Amino acid sequence: MKSFISFLAILIFISASFIKPQEKNKGVFVEPKDGFYKEIEKGIDDFKNSTKEKKKSFKLDFTGINYPQSKEEFKYYWHNDPISQGNTGTCWTFSTTSFFESEVYRLTGNKVSISPIFTAYWEYVEKVKEFVRTRGKSIVEEGSEANAVTRIYKMYGAVPADVCTGLLPGQQYHDHSDMVKEIQTYLQNVKTTNAWNEDEVVAVTKSILNHYLGVPPTEVVVDGKKYTPKEYLTNFLKLNPDDYVDVLSYMQQPYWKQVEYEVPDNWWHNKDYYNIPLDDFMKVLKNAVKNGYTLAIGGDVSEPGYDSWTKCAIIPTFDIPSEYIDENSRQFRFSNETTTDDHGIHLIGYEELDGKTWFLIKDSGAGSRNTGDKGYYFYHEDYVKLKIMDFMVHKDMFKDYFSKFNK
């Protein structure tokens, strides 16, 4: 028995000497590859898309129409290069901020870039405050009006664009979609639970804004000098928000009165709009741009003659002939909501073509960057007359009209 055990031990020893120790495995980082599941997804998408017929839109045929081909045809005034508002509904702050940059240059000769996002940040805060004060009756969306910018300037000031970009590291385009959804979801919970503590609601809203847009600065340094945002507005930019007027033309309220612009984006129900007849509206607008002023304008951009590939905005004769465009046709479209207050832009120049005035428009919307002069449109005067509802301009261009208003 001892011999057998000894033999077995020797056998085990010999076998072990021929067995190599197991090698340790290593890990490595690899790029993901598309597998068969990708083919499944593609097949499903192809099937779904093939069953959906793309709906065609009815648009103006521009063949044979004489229209501007380039912004260089226009006489235009200094402005910063167009920038994109990205996936946001904040055209009102991009366009009006651009307008005030041009105003700073007109008034002082200084070329500046002002942050539109700083203004948008505080506008969101003010909307949320009103939501609390009205117990959820006031809307909190992305849109607003040109005079929201002057209101925010007076309340919070302004800052240079480079210290409040609203873009996170690596982010190329603005996108407020998730941010707004998060704010709205939170506010709905506030409403459901009756948690109407304004300080708390504002604090939570700011934390959301800070996450997506960054914390707005309370102090800036320009040319080696420190400014608060209000000091930057007054002492450096030398802007006085009270020097600007908002002009409106519609029939549903009396002319020669300051009235409310009755649209959702005027969420704070501002009643400072100077309502004047359409002929005067066009006269003031043309006189301003032909005398060195730019204007922040707002109106409708969803017509068959509005085309991003020709960069033109025209009223087709099959809609309404030029000679029939008047305050009645304008009001009719506003009343039946085929004219809406859906976009804010910056009017920066003009040219005369075939006896009509065309306006050069700086636009932060995506369509303006499809082709040609990126960030610009060319508006025919008939389009402005029928579809542009309001504008902001320096009060010097309205001084002949103040005496006609009954306070």
Protein backbone atom coordinates (compact mmCIF):
# COMPACT_ATOMS: atom_id res chain seq x y z
CA MET A 1 0.00 0.00 0.00
CA LYS A 2 2.86 2.34 0.82
CA SER A 3 4.40 1.62 -2.56
CA PHE A 4 1.14 2.52 -4.33
CA ILE A 5 0.82 5.79 -2.44
CA SER A 6 4.39 6.70 -3.20
CA PHE A 7 3.85 5.88 -6.86
CA LEU A 8 0.70 8.06 -6.96
CA ALA A 9 2.52 10.99 -5.34
CA ILE A 10 5.33 10.71 -7.87
CA LEU A 11 2.79 10.61 -10.71
CA ILE A 12 1.02 13.75 -9.44
CA PHE A 13 4.36 15.55 -9.08
CA ILE A 14 5.41 14.65 -12.59
CA SER A 15 1.99 15.70 -14.05
CA ALA A 16 2.08 19.03 -12.20
CA SER A 17 5.47 19.84 -13.60
CA PHE A 18 4.05 19.71 -17.13
CA ILE A 19 0.99 21.95 -16.42
CA LYS A 20 1.54 25.63 -17.21
CA PRO A 21 0.00 28.26 -14.90
CA GLN A 22 -3.10 30.00 -16.37
CA GLU A 23 -2.32 33.30 -18.07
CA LYS A 24 -4.11 36.40 -16.80
CA ASN A 25 -6.56 38.07 -19.18
CA LYS A 26 -6.37 41.78 -20.02
CA GLY A 27 -9.12 44.29 -20.73
CA VAL A 28 -9.12 46.78 -23.61
CA PHE A 29 -11.32 49.69 -24.65
CA VAL A 30 -12.96 49.21 -28.04
CA GLU A 31 -15.28 51.30 -30.18
CA PRO A 32 -18.81 49.88 -30.44
CA LYS A 33 -19.70 48.21 -33.74
CA ASP A 34 -23.02 48.05 -35.48
CA GLY A 35 -24.38 44.53 -35.20
CA PHE A 36 -27.40 42.83 -36.68
CA TYR A 37 -29.70 44.79 -34.37
CA LYS A 38 -28.77 47.86 -36.40
CA GLU A 39 -30.13 46.09 -39.46
CA ILE A 40 -33.34 45.39 -37.57
CA GLU A 41 -33.68 49.06 -36.62
CA LYS A 42 -33.01 50.17 -40.19
CA GLY A 43 -35.57 47.73 -41.56
CA ILE A 44 -38.20 48.94 -39.09
CA ASP A 45 -37.44 52.61 -39.83
CA ASP A 46 -37.54 52.04 -43.59
CA PHE A 47 -40.88 50.31 -43.29
CA LYS A 48 -42.37 53.05 -41.12
CA ASN A 49 -41.08 55.83 -43.32
CA SER A 50 -42.26 54.13 -46.49
CA THR A 51 -45.81 54.10 -45.18
CA LYS A 52 -45.77 57.84 -44.50
CA GLU A 53 -46.46 60.07 -47.45
CA LYS A 54 -44.61 63.35 -47.17
CA LYS A 55 -47.07 66.23 -47.30
CA LYS A 56 -46.19 68.93 -49.78
CA SER A 57 -46.62 72.58 -48.89
CA PHE A 58 -48.11 75.09 -51.32
CA LYS A 59 -45.49 77.74 -52.02
CA LEU A 60 -44.95 80.66 -54.37
CA ASP A 61 -43.19 79.85 -57.64
CA PHE A 62 -40.39 82.43 -57.79
CA THR A 63 -39.70 81.81 -61.48
CA GLY A 64 -39.62 85.11 -63.37
CA ILE A 65 -39.84 87.27 -60.23
CA ASN A 66 -37.21 89.99 -59.89
CA TYR A 67 -35.92 89.86 -56.33
CA PRO A 68 -32.64 90.73 -54.54
CA GLN A 69 -29.84 88.21 -54.89
CA SER A 70 -27.42 89.41 -52.22
CA LYS A 71 -27.27 91.54 -49.10
CA GLU A 72 -24.63 93.62 -50.85
CA GLU A 73 -27.36 95.11 -53.06
CA PHE A 74 -28.75 96.86 -49.98
CA LYS A 75 -27.75 99.99 -48.12
CA TYR A 76 -27.36 98.67 -44.60
CA TYR A 77 -26.02 99.79 -41.24
CA TRP A 78 -23.46 98.34 -38.87
CA HIS A 79 -24.45 95.15 -37.10
CA ASN A 80 -22.66 92.13 -35.70
CA ASP A 81 -22.54 89.04 -37.88
CA PRO A 82 -25.69 86.92 -37.55
CA ILE A 83 -25.66 84.16 -34.95
CA SER A 84 -27.99 81.20 -34.60
CA GLN A 85 -30.56 80.97 -31.82
CA GLY A 86 -30.30 77.19 -32.16
CA ASN A 87 -33.18 75.10 -30.90
CA THR A 88 -34.79 77.84 -28.83
CA GLY A 89 -37.85 80.06 -29.01
CA THR A 90 -35.88 83.12 -27.97
CA CYS A 91 -35.80 85.04 -31.27
CA TRP A 92 -37.09 88.06 -29.33
CA THR A 93 -33.85 88.44 -27.35
CA PHE A 94 -31.50 87.57 -30.22
CA SER A 95 -33.13 90.09 -32.57
CA THR A 96 -33.58 92.90 -30.05
CA THR A 97 -30.09 92.43 -28.62
CA SER A 98 -28.78 92.76 -32.17
CA PHE A 99 -30.85 95.92 -32.53
CA PHE A 100 -29.29 97.42 -29.38
CA GLU A 101 -25.79 96.51 -30.55
CA SER A 102 -26.48 98.55 -33.67
CA GLU A 103 -27.87 101.35 -31.51
CA VAL A 104 -24.70 101.45 -29.41
CA TYR A 105 -22.68 101.83 -32.60
CA ARG A 106 -25.03 104.51 -33.97
CA LEU A 107 -24.89 106.48 -30.74
CA THR A 108 -21.25 106.03 -29.69
CA GLY A 109 -19.32 104.44 -32.55
CA ASN A 110 -18.40 101.47 -30.32
CA LYS A 111 -18.74 97.94 -31.66
CA VAL A 112 -20.01 95.68 -28.89
CA SER A 113 -21.47 92.21 -28.49
CA ILE A 114 -24.17 91.97 -25.83
CA SER A 115 -25.40 88.69 -24.32
CA PRO A 116 -28.92 87.72 -25.41
CA ILE A 117 -28.84 84.79 -22.97
CA PHE A 118 -28.34 87.01 -19.90
CA THR A 119 -31.63 88.70 -20.83
CA ALA A 120 -33.36 85.39 -21.49
CA TYR A 121 -32.19 84.00 -18.12
CA TRP A 122 -33.81 86.81 -16.15
CA GLU A 123 -36.91 86.76 -18.34
CA TYR A 124 -37.44 83.12 -17.34
CA VAL A 125 -37.11 84.17 -13.70
CA GLU A 126 -39.68 86.95 -14.13
CA LYS A 127 -42.08 84.57 -15.86
CA VAL A 128 -41.83 82.14 -12.97
CA LYS A 129 -42.49 84.93 -10.46
CA GLU A 130 -45.65 85.86 -12.34
CA PHE A 131 -46.64 82.18 -12.46
CA VAL A 132 -46.50 82.11 -8.66
CA ARG A 133 -48.28 85.45 -8.23
CA THR A 134 -51.14 84.37 -10.52
CA ARG A 135 -51.30 80.89 -9.01
CA GLY A 136 -50.39 79.23 -12.30
CA LYS A 137 -52.46 81.35 -14.68
CA SER A 138 -49.50 83.07 -16.38
CA ILE A 139 -47.70 81.10 -19.08
CA VAL A 140 -44.05 80.05 -18.87
CA GLU A 141 -42.83 79.45 -22.41
CA GLU A 142 -39.78 80.52 -24.43
CA GLY A 143 -41.36 83.40 -26.34
CA SER A 144 -41.55 87.07 -25.43
CA GLU A 145 -41.48 90.53 -27.03
CA ALA A 146 -38.88 93.14 -27.96
CA ASN A 147 -39.82 95.34 -25.03
CA ALA A 148 -39.07 92.47 -22.66
CA VAL A 149 -35.44 93.31 -23.40
CA THR A 150 -35.81 96.93 -22.30
CA ARG A 151 -37.75 95.79 -19.22
CA ILE A 152 -35.03 93.31 -18.25
CA TYR A 153 -32.32 95.90 -18.97
CA LYS A 154 -33.95 98.27 -16.49
CA MET A 155 -34.32 95.55 -13.87
CA TYR A 156 -31.07 93.59 -14.26
CA GLY A 157 -28.79 95.41 -16.71
CA ALA A 158 -26.76 93.76 -19.47
CA VAL A 159 -23.41 92.00 -19.90
CA PRO A 160 -20.99 91.28 -22.77
CA ALA A 161 -21.79 88.21 -24.85
CA ASP A 162 -18.55 86.38 -24.02
CA VAL A 163 -19.18 86.28 -20.26
CA CYS A 164 -22.67 84.78 -20.57
CA THR A 165 -22.83 82.54 -23.64
CA GLY A 166 -25.45 80.07 -22.39
CA LEU A 167 -23.41 77.26 -23.97
CA LEU A 168 -21.94 74.40 -21.97
CA PRO A 169 -18.40 73.12 -22.72
CA GLY A 170 -18.46 71.45 -26.13
CA GLN A 171 -21.98 72.64 -26.93
CA GLN A 172 -22.19 74.13 -30.42
CA TYR A 173 -25.82 75.26 -30.62
CA HIS A 174 -28.27 76.65 -28.10
CA ASP A 175 -30.93 74.17 -27.00
CA HIS A 176 -33.48 75.13 -24.35
CA SER A 177 -35.90 72.25 -24.95
CA ASP A 178 -34.92 70.04 -21.98
CA MET A 179 -34.47 73.06 -19.73
CA VAL A 180 -37.95 74.41 -20.42
CA LYS A 181 -39.54 70.98 -19.99
CA GLU A 182 -37.82 70.62 -16.63
CA ILE A 183 -39.00 74.06 -15.49
CA GLN A 184 -42.56 73.38 -16.66
CA THR A 185 -42.65 69.97 -14.99
CA TYR A 186 -41.48 71.52 -11.74
CA LEU A 187 -44.03 74.34 -11.97
CA GLN A 188 -46.83 71.87 -12.62
CA ASN A 189 -45.86 70.11 -9.41
CA VAL A 190 -45.87 73.47 -7.60
CA LYS A 191 -49.39 74.06 -8.87
CA THR A 192 -50.60 70.56 -7.99
CA THR A 193 -49.24 70.76 -4.44
CA ASN A 194 -50.09 74.44 -3.86
CA ALA A 195 -46.47 75.11 -2.96
CA TRP A 196 -46.67 78.84 -3.71
CA ASN A 197 -43.53 79.99 -1.96
CA GLU A 198 -42.05 82.48 -4.43
CA ASP A 199 -38.54 82.48 -2.96
CA GLU A 200 -38.37 78.71 -3.05
CA VAL A 201 -39.82 78.41 -6.56
CA VAL A 202 -37.43 81.03 -7.91
CA ALA A 203 -34.48 79.34 -6.21
CA VAL A 204 -35.31 75.98 -7.78
CA THR A 205 -35.87 77.62 -11.18
CA LYS A 206 -32.49 79.35 -10.97
CA SER A 207 -30.80 76.04 -10.16
CA ILE A 208 -32.30 74.60 -13.36
CA LEU A 209 -31.27 77.65 -15.40
CA ASN A 210 -27.77 77.56 -13.90
CA HIS A 211 -27.36 73.93 -14.90
CA TYR A 212 -28.27 74.54 -18.55
CA LEU A 213 -27.15 78.15 -19.13
CA GLY A 214 -24.52 78.80 -16.49
CA VAL A 215 -24.66 81.25 -13.59
CA PRO A 216 -25.16 84.84 -14.80
CA PRO A 217 -22.34 87.18 -13.76
CA THR A 218 -22.91 89.86 -11.14
CA GLU A 219 -19.81 91.78 -12.20
CA VAL A 220 -17.91 92.15 -15.48
CA VAL A 221 -14.52 93.58 -16.39
CA VAL A 222 -14.32 95.59 -19.62
CA ASP A 223 -11.15 97.40 -20.68
CA GLY A 224 -9.74 96.83 -17.20
CA LYS A 225 -12.69 98.38 -15.39
CA LYS A 226 -15.27 96.59 -13.25
CA TYR A 227 -18.98 97.10 -13.85
CA THR A 228 -22.16 95.66 -12.42
CA PRO A 229 -24.59 94.69 -15.21
CA LYS A 230 -26.57 97.89 -14.62
CA GLU A 231 -23.39 99.98 -14.73
CA TYR A 232 -22.32 98.24 -17.92
CA LEU A 233 -25.66 99.15 -19.52
CA THR A 234 -25.62 102.79 -18.43
CA ASN A 235 -21.96 103.77 -18.18
CA PHE A 236 -20.33 101.64 -20.85
CA LEU A 237 -23.05 100.93 -23.44
CA LYS A 238 -24.68 104.30 -22.68
CA LEU A 239 -28.13 102.92 -23.41
CA ASN A 240 -31.31 104.35 -21.92
CA PRO A 241 -34.15 101.83 -22.32
CA ASP A 242 -36.69 104.65 -21.94
CA ASP A 243 -35.48 106.15 -25.24
CA TYR A 244 -37.19 103.38 -27.22
CA VAL A 245 -40.79 103.02 -28.32
CA ASP A 246 -42.85 100.05 -29.49
CA VAL A 247 -45.17 100.78 -32.38
CA LEU A 248 -48.18 98.66 -33.34
CA SER A 249 -50.84 98.83 -36.03
CA TYR A 250 -54.10 96.93 -35.70
CA MET A 251 -57.77 97.85 -35.78
CA GLN A 252 -59.01 95.89 -32.80
CA GLN A 253 -58.00 98.71 -30.48
CA PRO A 254 -58.23 102.49 -31.02
CA TYR A 255 -55.62 104.27 -33.05
CA TRP A 256 -53.68 107.07 -31.37
CA LYS A 257 -53.80 105.27 -28.04
CA GLN A 258 -51.22 103.29 -26.12
CA VAL A 259 -52.66 99.80 -25.97
CA GLU A 260 -51.91 96.20 -25.08
CA TYR A 261 -50.55 93.97 -27.81
CA GLU A 262 -52.91 91.04 -27.36
CA VAL A 263 -50.69 88.05 -28.05
CA PRO A 264 -49.50 85.23 -25.76
CA ASP A 265 -45.86 86.34 -25.91
CA ASN A 266 -46.87 89.63 -24.27
CA TRP A 267 -47.35 87.52 -21.17
CA TRP A 268 -47.05 90.47 -18.77
CA HIS A 269 -49.81 92.36 -20.67
CA ASN A 270 -47.75 95.41 -21.53
CA LYS A 271 -49.96 98.33 -22.59
CA ASP A 272 -47.29 100.74 -23.85
CA TYR A 273 -47.63 100.02 -27.58
CA TYR A 274 -48.31 103.08 -29.71
CA ASN A 275 -51.15 101.99 -32.01
CA ILE A 276 -51.18 103.95 -35.27
CA PRO A 277 -52.86 103.56 -38.70
CA LEU A 278 -51.08 101.34 -41.19
CA ASP A 279 -50.00 104.12 -43.55
CA ASP A 280 -48.31 105.91 -40.65
CA PHE A 281 -46.81 102.62 -39.47
CA MET A 282 -45.13 102.14 -42.85
CA LYS A 283 -44.12 105.79 -43.06
CA VAL A 284 -42.31 105.72 -39.71
CA LEU A 285 -40.61 102.41 -40.52
CA LYS A 286 -39.37 103.54 -43.95
CA ASN A 287 -38.31 106.95 -42.69
CA ALA A 288 -36.28 105.36 -39.90
CA VAL A 289 -34.32 102.91 -42.04
CA LYS A 290 -33.70 105.53 -44.73
CA ASN A 291 -32.27 107.90 -42.12
CA GLY A 292 -29.68 105.64 -40.55
CA TYR A 293 -31.75 103.76 -37.96
CA THR A 294 -32.38 100.04 -37.61
CA LEU A 295 -35.50 98.49 -36.07
CA ALA A 296 -36.45 95.39 -34.12
CA ILE A 297 -39.56 94.02 -35.84
CA GLY A 298 -41.96 91.16 -35.18
CA GLY A 299 -44.66 89.30 -37.06
CA ASP A 300 -45.56 86.24 -39.10
CA VAL A 301 -43.15 84.13 -41.15
CA SER A 302 -45.36 81.25 -42.28
CA GLU A 303 -46.64 82.38 -45.69
CA PRO A 304 -46.41 80.72 -49.13
CA GLY A 305 -44.24 83.63 -50.29
CA TYR A 306 -41.79 83.19 -47.42
CA ASP A 307 -38.95 81.06 -48.74
CA SER A 308 -35.63 80.21 -47.11
CA TRP A 309 -34.01 79.10 -50.38
CA THR A 310 -34.52 82.40 -52.22
CA LYS A 311 -34.22 84.22 -48.86
CA CYS A 312 -37.29 86.26 -49.82
CA ALA A 313 -40.57 87.22 -48.19
CA ILE A 314 -43.21 88.22 -50.77
CA ILE A 315 -47.02 88.42 -50.76
CA PRO A 316 -48.21 86.42 -53.80
CA THR A 317 -50.99 87.87 -55.93
CA PHE A 318 -52.93 84.62 -55.41
CA ASP A 319 -53.04 85.57 -51.72
CA ILE A 320 -53.91 89.25 -52.15
CA PRO A 321 -52.88 91.79 -54.82
CA SER A 322 -50.64 94.60 -53.65
CA GLU A 323 -53.27 97.32 -54.09
CA TYR A 324 -55.66 95.51 -51.73
CA ILE A 325 -53.23 95.32 -48.82
CA ASP A 326 -54.63 97.70 -46.22
CA GLU A 327 -55.49 97.81 -42.53
CA ASN A 328 -58.61 95.69 -43.14
CA SER A 329 -56.78 92.83 -44.86
CA ARG A 330 -54.10 93.06 -42.18
CA GLN A 331 -56.61 92.91 -39.33
CA PHE A 332 -58.56 90.12 -41.03
CA ARG A 333 -55.49 87.89 -41.01
CA PHE A 334 -54.62 88.75 -37.43
CA SER A 335 -58.19 88.07 -36.28
CA ASN A 336 -58.45 84.70 -38.00
CA GLU A 337 -54.93 83.84 -36.76
CA THR A 338 -53.33 83.34 -40.16
CA THR A 339 -51.10 86.19 -39.04
CA THR A 340 -49.44 85.31 -35.77
CA ASP A 341 -46.73 86.87 -33.66
CA ASP A 342 -44.24 84.09 -34.23
CA HIS A 343 -40.85 85.64 -34.95
CA GLY A 344 -38.66 88.57 -33.97
CA ILE A 345 -36.02 89.87 -36.40
CA HIS A 346 -33.74 92.86 -36.96
CA LEU A 347 -34.36 95.23 -39.90
CA ILE A 348 -30.96 96.64 -40.89
CA GLY A 349 -31.17 98.07 -44.41
CA TYR A 350 -33.12 98.71 -47.60
CA GLU A 351 -32.98 98.97 -51.38
CA GLU A 352 -35.34 100.18 -54.11
CA LEU A 353 -36.17 97.66 -56.83
CA ASP A 354 -38.80 98.12 -59.55
CA GLY A 355 -40.33 101.03 -57.65
CA LYS A 356 -40.77 99.06 -54.44
CA THR A 357 -38.76 99.02 -51.21
CA TRP A 358 -37.08 95.83 -50.09
CA PHE A 359 -35.74 95.48 -46.55
CA LEU A 360 -32.64 93.62 -45.45
CA ILE A 361 -33.40 91.46 -42.42
CA LYS A 362 -30.94 89.92 -39.98
CA ASP A 363 -32.46 86.69 -38.67
CA SER A 364 -31.29 84.27 -35.96
CA GLY A 365 -33.65 81.50 -37.16
CA ALA A 366 -32.41 78.31 -38.83
CA GLY A 367 -34.02 78.96 -42.22
CA SER A 368 -31.91 82.08 -42.75
CA ARG A 369 -28.79 79.90 -42.83
CA ASN A 370 -29.94 77.41 -45.48
CA THR A 371 -28.15 79.07 -48.37
CA GLY A 372 -26.57 82.25 -49.68
CA ASP A 373 -25.96 85.07 -47.21
CA LYS A 374 -26.16 83.12 -43.96
CA GLY A 375 -28.39 84.83 -41.41
CA TYR A 376 -30.26 87.20 -43.74
CA TYR A 377 -33.61 87.55 -45.51
CA PHE A 378 -34.98 90.01 -48.05
CA TYR A 379 -38.49 91.32 -47.23
CA HIS A 380 -40.68 93.04 -49.82
CA GLU A 381 -42.50 96.08 -48.45
CA ASP A 382 -45.87 94.42 -49.09
CA TYR A 383 -44.86 91.59 -46.79
CA VAL A 384 -44.00 94.03 -44.03
CA LYS A 385 -47.23 95.94 -44.60
CA LEU A 386 -49.41 92.85 -44.33
CA LYS A 387 -47.56 90.53 -41.96
CA ILE A 388 -45.25 92.52 -39.64
CA MET A 389 -47.30 93.66 -36.66
CA ASP A 390 -44.96 95.79 -34.54
CA PHE A 391 -41.53 97.36 -34.33
CA MET A 392 -39.19 98.99 -31.82
CA VAL A 393 -37.28 102.14 -32.76
CA HIS A 394 -35.51 105.05 -31.11
CA LYS A 395 -37.98 107.70 -29.97
CA ASP A 396 -36.38 110.32 -32.25
CA MET A 397 -38.00 108.56 -35.19
CA PHE A 398 -41.41 108.87 -33.53
CA LYS A 399 -41.20 112.40 -32.17
CA ASP A 400 -43.69 113.82 -34.70
CA TYR A 401 -46.40 111.46 -33.41
CA PHE A 402 -46.29 111.78 -29.63
CA SER A 403 -48.61 114.80 -29.61
CA LYS A 404 -51.37 112.77 -31.26
CA PHE A 405 -51.72 110.40 -28.36
CA ASN A 406 -54.26 110.94 -25.60
CA LYS A 407 -52.76 109.74 -22.38
